[in-house]
Amino acid sequence: MIEILFFGRLGDASDTLRIDKPKDVSDTDALTAWLSKQNRTLEAELNKAGNRIAVNKTIISENTPLNDGDEIAYMSPLSGG
């Protein structure tokens, strides 16, 4: 299971998700693509510039592998993350 948090305007598009990691999702890029397919409102927000992603409370700057038990946070530019 993974936990996906959304902050700022991303939080307006989706609630926190606690889901089994989809089989075809192995990294943050794949997760972002998967989320975009699930929620078109969230897709529009994910495609905006300036969003950041944290995996297990560490902000990342490149595609990162994901494992069961990870916490992934999507933050819009002014969410204070």
PDB file of N, CA and C in Angstrom:
ATOM      1  N   MET A   1       0.839  -1.174   0.000  1.00  0.00           N
ATOM      2  CA  MET A   1       0.000   0.000   0.000  1.00  0.00           C
ATOM      3  C   MET A   1       0.889   1.243   0.000  1.00  0.00           C
ATOM      4  N   ILE A   2       0.448   2.269  -0.711  1.00  0.00           N
ATOM      5  CA  ILE A   2       1.126   3.559  -0.704  1.00  0.00           C
ATOM      6  C   ILE A   2       0.120   4.628  -0.277  1.00  0.00           C
ATOM      7  N   GLU A   3       0.652   5.732   0.249  1.00  0.00           N
ATOM      8  CA  GLU A   3      -0.185   6.858   0.621  1.00  0.00           C
ATOM      9  C   GLU A   3       0.219   8.032  -0.252  1.00  0.00           C
ATOM     10  N   ILE A   4      -0.779   8.674  -0.861  1.00  0.00           N
ATOM     11  CA  ILE A   4      -0.519   9.790  -1.760  1.00  0.00           C
ATOM     12  C   ILE A   4      -1.228  11.015  -1.202  1.00  0.00           C
ATOM     13  N   LEU A   5      -0.427  12.031  -0.886  1.00  0.00           N
ATOM     14  CA  LEU A   5      -0.942  13.270  -0.303  1.00  0.00           C
ATOM     15  C   LEU A   5      -0.904  14.372  -1.351  1.00  0.00           C
ATOM     16  N   PHE A   6      -1.848  15.293  -1.261  1.00  0.00           N
ATOM     17  CA  PHE A   6      -1.915  16.413  -2.195  1.00  0.00           C
ATOM     18  C   PHE A   6      -2.046  17.700  -1.396  1.00  0.00           C
ATOM     19  N   PHE A   7      -1.210  18.690  -1.726  1.00  0.00           N
ATOM     20  CA  PHE A   7      -1.211  19.957  -1.013  1.00  0.00           C
ATOM     21  C   PHE A   7      -1.453  21.116  -1.973  1.00  0.00           C
ATOM     22  N   GLY A   8      -1.955  22.224  -1.423  1.00  0.00           N
ATOM     23  CA  GLY A   8      -2.243  23.393  -2.239  1.00  0.00           C
ATOM     24  C   GLY A   8      -3.367  23.101  -3.201  1.00  0.00           C
ATOM     25  N   ARG A   9      -3.280  23.653  -4.400  1.00  0.00           N
ATOM     26  CA  ARG A   9      -4.363  23.483  -5.379  1.00  0.00           C
ATOM     27  C   ARG A   9      -4.538  22.013  -5.780  1.00  0.00           C
ATOM     28  N   LEU A  10      -3.501  21.199  -5.622  1.00  0.00           N
ATOM     29  CA  LEU A  10      -3.626  19.768  -5.913  1.00  0.00           C
ATOM     30  C   LEU A  10      -4.577  19.106  -4.915  1.00  0.00           C
ATOM     31  N   GLY A  11      -4.560  19.600  -3.673  1.00  0.00           N
ATOM     32  CA  GLY A  11      -5.469  19.087  -2.652  1.00  0.00           C
ATOM     33  C   GLY A  11      -6.921  19.426  -2.938  1.00  0.00           C
ATOM     34  N   ASP A  12      -7.145  20.477  -3.721  1.00  0.00           N
ATOM     35  CA  ASP A  12      -8.506  20.804  -4.135  1.00  0.00           C
ATOM     36  C   ASP A  12      -9.010  19.823  -5.192  1.00  0.00           C
ATOM     37  N   ALA A  13      -8.098  19.177  -5.892  1.00  0.00           N
ATOM     38  CA  ALA A  13      -8.459  18.258  -6.972  1.00  0.00           C
ATOM     39  C   ALA A  13      -8.589  16.805  -6.511  1.00  0.00           C
ATOM     40  N   SER A  14      -7.978  16.467  -5.366  1.00  0.00           N
ATOM     41  CA  SER A  14      -8.038  15.084  -4.897  1.00  0.00           C
ATOM     42  C   SER A  14      -7.814  15.014  -3.396  1.00  0.00           C
ATOM     43  N   ASP A  15      -8.502  14.111  -2.758  1.00  0.00           N
ATOM     44  CA  ASP A  15      -8.252  13.805  -1.353  1.00  0.00           C
ATOM     45  C   ASP A  15      -7.026  12.908  -1.249  1.00  0.00           C
ATOM     46  N   THR A  16      -6.527  12.736  -0.041  1.00  0.00           N
ATOM     47  CA  THR A  16      -5.445  11.787   0.204  1.00  0.00           C
ATOM     48  C   THR A  16      -5.897  10.398  -0.233  1.00  0.00           C
ATOM     49  N   LEU A  17      -4.992   9.660  -0.864  1.00  0.00           N
ATOM     50  CA  LEU A  17      -5.288   8.300  -1.318  1.00  0.00           C
ATOM     51  C   LEU A  17      -4.415   7.307  -0.573  1.00  0.00           C
ATOM     52  N   ARG A  18      -5.005   6.234  -0.124  1.00  0.00           N
ATOM     53  CA  ARG A  18      -4.274   5.095   0.443  1.00  0.00           C
ATOM     54  C   ARG A  18      -4.684   3.900  -0.411  1.00  0.00           C
ATOM     55  N   ILE A  19      -3.771   3.478  -1.278  1.00  0.00           N
ATOM     56  CA  ILE A  19      -4.120   2.461  -2.270  1.00  0.00           C
ATOM     57  C   ILE A  19      -3.007   1.425  -2.368  1.00  0.00           C
ATOM     58  N   ASP A  20      -3.377   0.241  -2.878  1.00  0.00           N
ATOM     59  CA  ASP A  20      -2.351  -0.720  -3.258  1.00  0.00           C
ATOM     60  C   ASP A  20      -1.643  -0.151  -4.474  1.00  0.00           C
ATOM     61  N   LYS A  21      -0.324  -0.211  -4.469  1.00  0.00           N
ATOM     62  CA  LYS A  21       0.442   0.330  -5.594  1.00  0.00           C
ATOM     63  C   LYS A  21       0.052  -0.424  -6.863  1.00  0.00           C
ATOM     64  N   PRO A  22      -0.432   0.307  -7.881  1.00  0.00           N
ATOM     65  CA  PRO A  22      -0.787  -0.367  -9.134  1.00  0.00           C
ATOM     66  C   PRO A  22       0.413  -1.139  -9.703  1.00  0.00           C
ATOM     67  N   LYS A  23       0.152  -2.272 -10.302  1.00  0.00           N
ATOM     68  CA  LYS A  23       1.226  -3.134 -10.798  1.00  0.00           C
ATOM     69  C   LYS A  23       2.104  -2.459 -11.842  1.00  0.00           C
ATOM     70  N   ASP A  24       1.533  -1.563 -12.631  1.00  0.00           N
ATOM     71  CA  ASP A  24       2.308  -0.912 -13.690  1.00  0.00           C
ATOM     72  C   ASP A  24       2.974   0.382 -13.221  1.00  0.00           C
ATOM     73  N   VAL A  25       2.914   0.667 -11.931  1.00  0.00           N
ATOM     74  CA  VAL A  25       3.531   1.877 -11.371  1.00  0.00           C
ATOM     75  C   VAL A  25       4.775   1.475 -10.580  1.00  0.00           C
ATOM     76  N   SER A  26       5.951   1.848 -11.127  1.00  0.00           N
ATOM     77  CA  SER A  26       7.201   1.507 -10.455  1.00  0.00           C
ATOM     78  C   SER A  26       7.988   2.729 -10.005  1.00  0.00           C
ATOM     79  N   ASP A  27       7.560   3.919 -10.471  1.00  0.00           N
ATOM     80  CA  ASP A  27       8.302   5.131 -10.139  1.00  0.00           C
ATOM     81  C   ASP A  27       7.363   6.331 -10.143  1.00  0.00           C
ATOM     82  N   THR A  28       7.900   7.495  -9.783  1.00  0.00           N
ATOM     83  CA  THR A  28       7.062   8.687  -9.655  1.00  0.00           C
ATOM     84  C   THR A  28       6.486   9.143 -10.992  1.00  0.00           C
ATOM     85  N   ASP A  29       7.213   9.006 -12.065  1.00  0.00           N
ATOM     86  CA  ASP A  29       6.669   9.386 -13.376  1.00  0.00           C
ATOM     87  C   ASP A  29       5.460   8.523 -13.726  1.00  0.00           C
ATOM     88  N   ALA A  30       5.566   7.236 -13.495  1.00  0.00           N
ATOM     89  CA  ALA A  30       4.461   6.323 -13.783  1.00  0.00           C
ATOM     90  C   ALA A  30       3.278   6.599 -12.861  1.00  0.00           C
ATOM     91  N   LEU A  31       3.543   6.946 -11.610  1.00  0.00           N
ATOM     92  CA  LEU A  31       2.455   7.271 -10.690  1.00  0.00           C
ATOM     93  C   LEU A  31       1.726   8.529 -11.150  1.00  0.00           C
ATOM     94  N   THR A  32       2.461   9.546 -11.549  1.00  0.00           N
ATOM     95  CA  THR A  32       1.841  10.779 -12.024  1.00  0.00           C
ATOM     96  C   THR A  32       0.972  10.503 -13.246  1.00  0.00           C
ATOM     97  N   ALA A  33       1.458   9.685 -14.165  1.00  0.00           N
ATOM     98  CA  ALA A  33       0.675   9.325 -15.349  1.00  0.00           C
ATOM     99  C   ALA A  33      -0.577   8.544 -14.953  1.00  0.00           C
ATOM    100  N   TRP A  34      -0.435   7.619 -14.011  1.00  0.00           N
ATOM    101  CA  TRP A  34      -1.573   6.819 -13.553  1.00  0.00           C
ATOM    102  C   TRP A  34      -2.621   7.711 -12.889  1.00  0.00           C
ATOM    103  N   LEU A  35      -2.180   8.626 -12.020  1.00  0.00           N
ATOM    104  CA  LEU A  35      -3.109   9.534 -11.355  1.00  0.00           C
ATOM    105  C   LEU A  35      -3.854  10.397 -12.372  1.00  0.00           C
ATOM    106  N   SER A  36      -3.143  10.841 -13.401  1.00  0.00           N
ATOM    107  CA  SER A  36      -3.755  11.682 -14.434  1.00  0.00           C
ATOM    108  C   SER A  36      -4.880  10.947 -15.154  1.00  0.00           C
ATOM    109  N   LYS A  37      -4.719   9.650 -15.345  1.00  0.00           N
ATOM    110  CA  LYS A  37      -5.757   8.859 -16.016  1.00  0.00           C
ATOM    111  C   LYS A  37      -6.975   8.636 -15.123  1.00  0.00           C
ATOM    112  N   GLN A  38      -6.772   8.663 -13.802  1.00  0.00           N
ATOM    113  CA  GLN A  38      -7.851   8.390 -12.865  1.00  0.00           C
ATOM    114  C   GLN A  38      -8.731   9.611 -12.609  1.00  0.00           C
ATOM    115  N   ASN A  39      -8.161  10.815 -12.739  1.00  0.00           N
ATOM    116  CA  ASN A  39      -8.855  12.030 -12.311  1.00  0.00           C
ATOM    117  C   ASN A  39      -8.457  13.169 -13.257  1.00  0.00           C
ATOM    118  N   ARG A  40      -9.347  13.561 -14.142  1.00  0.00           N
ATOM    119  CA  ARG A  40      -9.036  14.587 -15.148  1.00  0.00           C
ATOM    120  C   ARG A  40      -8.816  15.963 -14.510  1.00  0.00           C
ATOM    121  N   THR A  41      -9.504  16.263 -13.415  1.00  0.00           N
ATOM    122  CA  THR A  41      -9.279  17.539 -12.734  1.00  0.00           C
ATOM    123  C   THR A  41      -7.875  17.568 -12.157  1.00  0.00           C
ATOM    124  N   LEU A  42      -7.476  16.474 -11.539  1.00  0.00           N
ATOM    125  CA  LEU A  42      -6.126  16.362 -10.992  1.00  0.00           C
ATOM    126  C   LEU A  42      -5.098  16.411 -12.115  1.00  0.00           C
ATOM    127  N   GLU A  43      -5.385  15.794 -13.243  1.00  0.00           N
ATOM    128  CA  GLU A  43      -4.462  15.813 -14.381  1.00  0.00           C
ATOM    129  C   GLU A  43      -4.120  17.246 -14.778  1.00  0.00           C
ATOM    130  N   ALA A  44      -5.121  18.098 -14.845  1.00  0.00           N
ATOM    131  CA  ALA A  44      -4.889  19.493 -15.233  1.00  0.00           C
ATOM    132  C   ALA A  44      -3.953  20.175 -14.237  1.00  0.00           C
ATOM    133  N   GLU A  45      -4.111  19.886 -12.952  1.00  0.00           N
ATOM    134  CA  GLU A  45      -3.245  20.490 -11.935  1.00  0.00           C
ATOM    135  C   GLU A  45      -1.842  19.895 -11.963  1.00  0.00           C
ATOM    136  N   LEU A  46      -1.733  18.606 -12.198  1.00  0.00           N
ATOM    137  CA  LEU A  46      -0.415  17.958 -12.252  1.00  0.00           C
ATOM    138  C   LEU A  46       0.415  18.469 -13.422  1.00  0.00           C
ATOM    139  N   ASN A  47      -0.247  18.904 -14.486  1.00  0.00           N
ATOM    140  CA  ASN A  47       0.458  19.389 -15.673  1.00  0.00           C
ATOM    141  C   ASN A  47       0.922  20.833 -15.563  1.00  0.00           C
ATOM    142  N   LYS A  48       0.541  21.518 -14.505  1.00  0.00           N
ATOM    143  CA  LYS A  48       0.972  22.900 -14.319  1.00  0.00           C
ATOM    144  C   LYS A  48       2.415  22.942 -13.821  1.00  0.00           C
ATOM    145  N   ALA A  49       3.134  23.952 -14.254  1.00  0.00           N
ATOM    146  CA  ALA A  49       4.544  24.103 -13.876  1.00  0.00           C
ATOM    147  C   ALA A  49       4.691  24.416 -12.392  1.00  0.00           C
ATOM    148  N   GLY A  50       5.810  23.990 -11.838  1.00  0.00           N
ATOM    149  CA  GLY A  50       6.177  24.357 -10.486  1.00  0.00           C
ATOM    150  C   GLY A  50       5.808  23.365  -9.402  1.00  0.00           C
ATOM    151  N   ASN A  51       5.052  22.322  -9.742  1.00  0.00           N
ATOM    152  CA  ASN A  51       4.715  21.325  -8.728  1.00  0.00           C
ATOM    153  C   ASN A  51       5.971  20.582  -8.278  1.00  0.00           C
ATOM    154  N   ARG A  52       5.943  20.145  -7.026  1.00  0.00           N
ATOM    155  CA  ARG A  52       7.055  19.345  -6.506  1.00  0.00           C
ATOM    156  C   ARG A  52       6.502  18.051  -5.941  1.00  0.00           C
ATOM    157  N   ILE A  53       7.382  17.062  -5.853  1.00  0.00           N
ATOM    158  CA  ILE A  53       7.006  15.755  -5.317  1.00  0.00           C
ATOM    159  C   ILE A  53       7.995  15.403  -4.206  1.00  0.00           C
ATOM    160  N   ALA A  54       7.460  14.842  -3.136  1.00  0.00           N
ATOM    161  CA  ALA A  54       8.302  14.308  -2.066  1.00  0.00           C
ATOM    162  C   ALA A  54       7.979  12.823  -1.912  1.00  0.00           C
ATOM    163  N   VAL A  55       9.009  12.036  -1.703  1.00  0.00           N
ATOM    164  CA  VAL A  55       8.850  10.620  -1.419  1.00  0.00           C
ATOM    165  C   VAL A  55       9.421  10.396  -0.026  1.00  0.00           C
ATOM    166  N   ASN A  56       8.575   9.898   0.854  1.00  0.00           N
ATOM    167  CA  ASN A  56       8.965   9.675   2.249  1.00  0.00           C
ATOM    168  C   ASN A  56       9.571  10.929   2.871  1.00  0.00           C
ATOM    169  N   LYS A  57       8.890  12.048   2.633  1.00  0.00           N
ATOM    170  CA  LYS A  57       9.217  13.358   3.209  1.00  0.00           C
ATOM    171  C   LYS A  57      10.512  13.988   2.682  1.00  0.00           C
ATOM    172  N   THR A  58      11.032  13.479   1.582  1.00  0.00           N
ATOM    173  CA  THR A  58      12.208  14.063   0.944  1.00  0.00           C
ATOM    174  C   THR A  58      11.815  14.547  -0.445  1.00  0.00           C
ATOM    175  N   ILE A  59      11.988  15.856  -0.680  1.00  0.00           N
ATOM    176  CA  ILE A  59      11.648  16.405  -1.986  1.00  0.00           C
ATOM    177  C   ILE A  59      12.624  15.858  -3.020  1.00  0.00           C
ATOM    178  N   ILE A  60      12.078  15.407  -4.136  1.00  0.00           N
ATOM    179  CA  ILE A  60      12.893  14.813  -5.195  1.00  0.00           C
ATOM    180  C   ILE A  60      12.959  15.761  -6.387  1.00  0.00           C
ATOM    181  N   SER A  61      13.984  15.597  -7.199  1.00  0.00           N
ATOM    182  CA  SER A  61      14.120  16.437  -8.386  1.00  0.00           C
ATOM    183  C   SER A  61      14.144  15.620  -9.674  1.00  0.00           C
ATOM    184  N   GLU A  62      14.062  14.311  -9.542  1.00  0.00           N
ATOM    185  CA  GLU A  62      14.041  13.454 -10.729  1.00  0.00           C
ATOM    186  C   GLU A  62      13.176  12.236 -10.458  1.00  0.00           C
ATOM    187  N   ASN A  63      12.885  11.499 -11.502  1.00  0.00           N
ATOM    188  CA  ASN A  63      12.081  10.294 -11.392  1.00  0.00           C
ATOM    189  C   ASN A  63      12.689   9.375 -10.331  1.00  0.00           C
ATOM    190  N   THR A  64      11.839   8.845  -9.435  1.00  0.00           N
ATOM    191  CA  THR A  64      12.307   8.063  -8.297  1.00  0.00           C
ATOM    192  C   THR A  64      11.523   6.763  -8.196  1.00  0.00           C
ATOM    193  N   PRO A  65      12.206   5.638  -7.952  1.00  0.00           N
ATOM    194  CA  PRO A  65      11.503   4.363  -7.774  1.00  0.00           C
ATOM    195  C   PRO A  65      10.573   4.413  -6.554  1.00  0.00           C
ATOM    196  N   LEU A  66       9.469   3.679  -6.639  1.00  0.00           N
ATOM    197  CA  LEU A  66       8.520   3.593  -5.537  1.00  0.00           C
ATOM    198  C   LEU A  66       8.405   2.167  -5.039  1.00  0.00           C
ATOM    199  N   ASN A  67       8.146   2.043  -3.742  1.00  0.00           N
ATOM    200  CA  ASN A  67       7.974   0.748  -3.104  1.00  0.00           C
ATOM    201  C   ASN A  67       6.710   0.753  -2.265  1.00  0.00           C
ATOM    202  N   ASP A  68       6.187  -0.445  -1.983  1.00  0.00           N
ATOM    203  CA  ASP A  68       5.066  -0.534  -1.062  1.00  0.00           C
ATOM    204  C   ASP A  68       5.466   0.124   0.254  1.00  0.00           C
ATOM    205  N   GLY A  69       4.529   0.842   0.855  1.00  0.00           N
ATOM    206  CA  GLY A  69       4.780   1.519   2.112  1.00  0.00           C
ATOM    207  C   GLY A  69       5.250   2.954   1.962  1.00  0.00           C
ATOM    208  N   ASP A  70       5.538   3.395   0.735  1.00  0.00           N
ATOM    209  CA  ASP A  70       6.009   4.763   0.525  1.00  0.00           C
ATOM    210  C   ASP A  70       4.880   5.779   0.715  1.00  0.00           C
ATOM    211  N   GLU A  71       5.296   6.974   1.117  1.00  0.00           N
ATOM    212  CA  GLU A  71       4.397   8.123   1.179  1.00  0.00           C
ATOM    213  C   GLU A  71       4.843   9.092   0.103  1.00  0.00           C
ATOM    214  N   ILE A  72       3.939   9.450  -0.785  1.00  0.00           N
ATOM    215  CA  ILE A  72       4.241  10.352  -1.884  1.00  0.00           C
ATOM    216  C   ILE A  72       3.393  11.606  -1.694  1.00  0.00           C
ATOM    217  N   ALA A  73       4.033  12.755  -1.725  1.00  0.00           N
ATOM    218  CA  ALA A  73       3.307  14.021  -1.564  1.00  0.00           C
ATOM    219  C   ALA A  73       3.493  14.868  -2.815  1.00  0.00           C
ATOM    220  N   TYR A  74       2.397  15.324  -3.347  1.00  0.00           N
ATOM    221  CA  TYR A  74       2.407  16.261  -4.485  1.00  0.00           C
ATOM    222  C   TYR A  74       2.089  17.636  -3.926  1.00  0.00           C
ATOM    223  N   MET A  75       2.947  18.620  -4.232  1.00  0.00           N
ATOM    224  CA  MET A  75       2.801  19.958  -3.672  1.00  0.00           C
ATOM    225  C   MET A  75       2.787  20.995  -4.772  1.00  0.00           C
ATOM    226  N   SER A  76       1.794  21.868  -4.729  1.00  0.00           N
ATOM    227  CA  SER A  76       1.789  22.988  -5.672  1.00  0.00           C
ATOM    228  C   SER A  76       2.786  24.039  -5.187  1.00  0.00           C
ATOM    229  N   PRO A  77       3.178  24.980  -6.049  1.00  0.00           N
ATOM    230  CA  PRO A  77       4.250  25.913  -5.719  1.00  0.00           C
ATOM    231  C   PRO A  77       4.083  26.705  -4.424  1.00  0.00           C
ATOM    232  N   LEU A  78       2.867  27.061  -4.056  1.00  0.00           N
ATOM    233  CA  LEU A  78       2.690  27.906  -2.882  1.00  0.00           C
ATOM    234  C   LEU A  78       2.045  27.158  -1.713  1.00  0.00           C
ATOM    235  N   SER A  79       2.297  25.854  -1.625  1.00  0.00           N
ATOM    236  CA  SER A  79       1.661  25.079  -0.559  1.00  0.00           C
ATOM    237  C   SER A  79       2.491  25.053   0.713  1.00  0.00           C
ATOM    238  N   GLY A  80       3.648  25.670   0.715  1.00  0.00           N
ATOM    239  CA  GLY A  80       4.457  25.728   1.925  1.00  0.00           C
ATOM    240  C   GLY A  80       5.297  24.510   2.171  1.00  0.00           C
ATOM    241  N   GLY A  81       5.340  23.567   1.200  1.00  0.00           N
ATOM    242  CA  GLY A  81       6.086  22.327   1.371  1.00  0.00           C
ATOM    243  C   GLY A  81       7.533  22.526   1.359  1.00  0.00           C
TER     244      GLY A  81
END
